[in-house]
């Protein structure tokens, strides 16, 4: 049997928080809704099941722990790269 798809959403405002905050998480239909809302608003999506698994264990509306800074920094670099590519088109 196939595991239901999982999704998480992060928000990061460097002027307001030290680290990104987990704003949504879910599996199955909830995960599909998270992805749908992100697409509708032009939010970049990164398919990384291992990262989603770790982040989905965290409490909502909390900053990510320092142990995840490096991997989330890589994710943010990916998002910034996508945004830069969009602007240069």
C-alpha atoms as a PDB file:
ATOM      1  CA  UNK A   1       0.000   0.000   0.000  1.00  0.00           C
ATOM      2  CA  UNK A   2       1.282   3.437  -0.987  1.00  0.00           C
ATOM      3  CA  UNK A   3       1.910   6.002   1.759  1.00  0.00           C
ATOM      4  CA  UNK A   4      -0.123   9.213   1.458  1.00  0.00           C
ATOM      5  CA  UNK A   5       1.759  12.199   0.119  1.00  0.00           C
ATOM      6  CA  UNK A   6       2.951  14.659   2.766  1.00  0.00           C
ATOM      7  CA  UNK A   7       3.558  18.376   2.462  1.00  0.00           C
ATOM      8  CA  UNK A   8       4.759  21.200   4.671  1.00  0.00           C
ATOM      9  CA  UNK A   9       4.949  24.965   4.264  1.00  0.00           C
ATOM     10  CA  UNK A  10       7.543  27.323   5.667  1.00  0.00           C
ATOM     11  CA  UNK A  11       7.449  31.094   6.088  1.00  0.00           C
ATOM     12  CA  UNK A  12      10.582  33.158   6.569  1.00  0.00           C
ATOM     13  CA  UNK A  13      10.810  36.840   7.389  1.00  0.00           C
ATOM     14  CA  UNK A  14      14.426  37.518   8.407  1.00  0.00           C
ATOM     15  CA  UNK A  15      13.442  40.859   9.946  1.00  0.00           C
ATOM     16  CA  UNK A  16      10.877  39.159  12.230  1.00  0.00           C
ATOM     17  CA  UNK A  17      12.329  35.731  13.053  1.00  0.00           C
ATOM     18  CA  UNK A  18      15.702  34.087  13.464  1.00  0.00           C
ATOM     19  CA  UNK A  19      14.664  31.022  11.454  1.00  0.00           C
ATOM     20  CA  UNK A  20      11.873  29.893   9.121  1.00  0.00           C
ATOM     21  CA  UNK A  21       8.569  28.962  10.746  1.00  0.00           C
ATOM     22  CA  UNK A  22       6.527  25.864   9.950  1.00  0.00           C
ATOM     23  CA  UNK A  23       3.121  27.249   8.919  1.00  0.00           C
ATOM     24  CA  UNK A  24       1.354  24.159   7.543  1.00  0.00           C
ATOM     25  CA  UNK A  25       1.738  20.409   7.449  1.00  0.00           C
ATOM     26  CA  UNK A  26      -0.402  17.491   6.410  1.00  0.00           C
ATOM     27  CA  UNK A  27      -0.809  14.220   4.556  1.00  0.00           C
ATOM     28  CA  UNK A  28      -3.183  12.998   1.865  1.00  0.00           C
ATOM     29  CA  UNK A  29      -5.876  15.538   1.001  1.00  0.00           C
ATOM     30  CA  UNK A  30      -4.388  18.142   3.334  1.00  0.00           C
ATOM     31  CA  UNK A  31      -1.013  17.796   1.585  1.00  0.00           C
ATOM     32  CA  UNK A  32      -2.698  18.180  -1.793  1.00  0.00           C
ATOM     33  CA  UNK A  33      -4.422  21.359  -0.555  1.00  0.00           C
ATOM     34  CA  UNK A  34      -1.127  22.799   0.735  1.00  0.00           C
ATOM     35  CA  UNK A  35       0.482  22.161  -2.658  1.00  0.00           C
ATOM     36  CA  UNK A  36      -2.530  23.553  -4.534  1.00  0.00           C
ATOM     37  CA  UNK A  37      -2.540  26.773  -2.511  1.00  0.00           C
ATOM     38  CA  UNK A  38       1.217  27.168  -2.995  1.00  0.00           C
ATOM     39  CA  UNK A  39       0.903  26.747  -6.769  1.00  0.00           C
ATOM     40  CA  UNK A  40      -2.022  29.165  -6.942  1.00  0.00           C
ATOM     41  CA  UNK A  41       0.067  31.826  -5.205  1.00  0.00           C
ATOM     42  CA  UNK A  42       3.257  31.168  -7.172  1.00  0.00           C
ATOM     43  CA  UNK A  43       5.129  29.720  -4.205  1.00  0.00           C
ATOM     44  CA  UNK A  44       8.018  27.503  -5.322  1.00  0.00           C
ATOM     45  CA  UNK A  45       7.628  23.829  -4.479  1.00  0.00           C
ATOM     46  CA  UNK A  46      10.534  21.495  -3.778  1.00  0.00           C
ATOM     47  CA  UNK A  47       9.894  17.763  -3.772  1.00  0.00           C
ATOM     48  CA  UNK A  48      12.067  16.442  -0.945  1.00  0.00           C
ATOM     49  CA  UNK A  49      10.311  13.612   0.941  1.00  0.00           C
ATOM     50  CA  UNK A  50      13.109  13.268   3.513  1.00  0.00           C
ATOM     51  CA  UNK A  51      12.967  16.950   4.450  1.00  0.00           C
ATOM     52  CA  UNK A  52       9.166  16.876   4.557  1.00  0.00           C
ATOM     53  CA  UNK A  53       9.294  13.861   6.872  1.00  0.00           C
ATOM     54  CA  UNK A  54      11.566  15.673   9.321  1.00  0.00           C
ATOM     55  CA  UNK A  55       9.686  18.983   9.162  1.00  0.00           C
ATOM     56  CA  UNK A  56       6.291  17.318   9.558  1.00  0.00           C
ATOM     57  CA  UNK A  57       7.336  16.166  13.031  1.00  0.00           C
ATOM     58  CA  UNK A  58       7.739  19.750  14.225  1.00  0.00           C
ATOM     59  CA  UNK A  59       5.081  21.837  15.955  1.00  0.00           C
ATOM     60  CA  UNK A  60       3.181  24.337  13.814  1.00  0.00           C
ATOM     61  CA  UNK A  61       3.991  28.047  14.093  1.00  0.00           C
ATOM     62  CA  UNK A  62       7.406  27.348  15.596  1.00  0.00           C
ATOM     63  CA  UNK A  63      10.826  28.234  14.248  1.00  0.00           C
ATOM     64  CA  UNK A  64      12.737  25.304  12.853  1.00  0.00           C
ATOM     65  CA  UNK A  65      15.421  24.021  15.242  1.00  0.00           C
ATOM     66  CA  UNK A  66      19.102  24.867  14.684  1.00  0.00           C
ATOM     67  CA  UNK A  67      19.795  21.252  13.649  1.00  0.00           C
ATOM     68  CA  UNK A  68      17.822  21.920  10.443  1.00  0.00           C
ATOM     69  CA  UNK A  69      19.353  25.293   9.531  1.00  0.00           C
ATOM     70  CA  UNK A  70      21.751  23.915   6.923  1.00  0.00           C
ATOM     71  CA  UNK A  71      19.184  21.830   5.044  1.00  0.00           C
ATOM     72  CA  UNK A  72      16.581  24.621   5.136  1.00  0.00           C
ATOM     73  CA  UNK A  73      19.227  27.111   3.988  1.00  0.00           C
ATOM     74  CA  UNK A  74      19.748  24.875   0.942  1.00  0.00           C
ATOM     75  CA  UNK A  75      15.991  24.961   0.358  1.00  0.00           C
ATOM     76  CA  UNK A  76      15.922  28.755   0.617  1.00  0.00           C
ATOM     77  CA  UNK A  77      18.836  28.992  -1.827  1.00  0.00           C
ATOM     78  CA  UNK A  78      16.790  26.890  -4.261  1.00  0.00           C
ATOM     79  CA  UNK A  79      13.813  29.244  -3.874  1.00  0.00           C
ATOM     80  CA  UNK A  80      15.957  32.357  -4.322  1.00  0.00           C
ATOM     81  CA  UNK A  81      17.513  30.838  -7.450  1.00  0.00           C
ATOM     82  CA  UNK A  82      14.054  30.135  -8.903  1.00  0.00           C
ATOM     83  CA  UNK A  83      12.919  33.676  -8.126  1.00  0.00           C
ATOM     84  CA  UNK A  84      16.012  35.134  -9.791  1.00  0.00           C
ATOM     85  CA  UNK A  85      15.428  33.006 -12.896  1.00  0.00           C
ATOM     86  CA  UNK A  86      11.824  34.231 -13.045  1.00  0.00           C
ATOM     87  CA  UNK A  87      12.936  37.869 -12.914  1.00  0.00           C
ATOM     88  CA  UNK A  88      15.493  37.350 -15.684  1.00  0.00           C
ATOM     89  CA  UNK A  89      12.979  35.943 -18.169  1.00  0.00           C
END
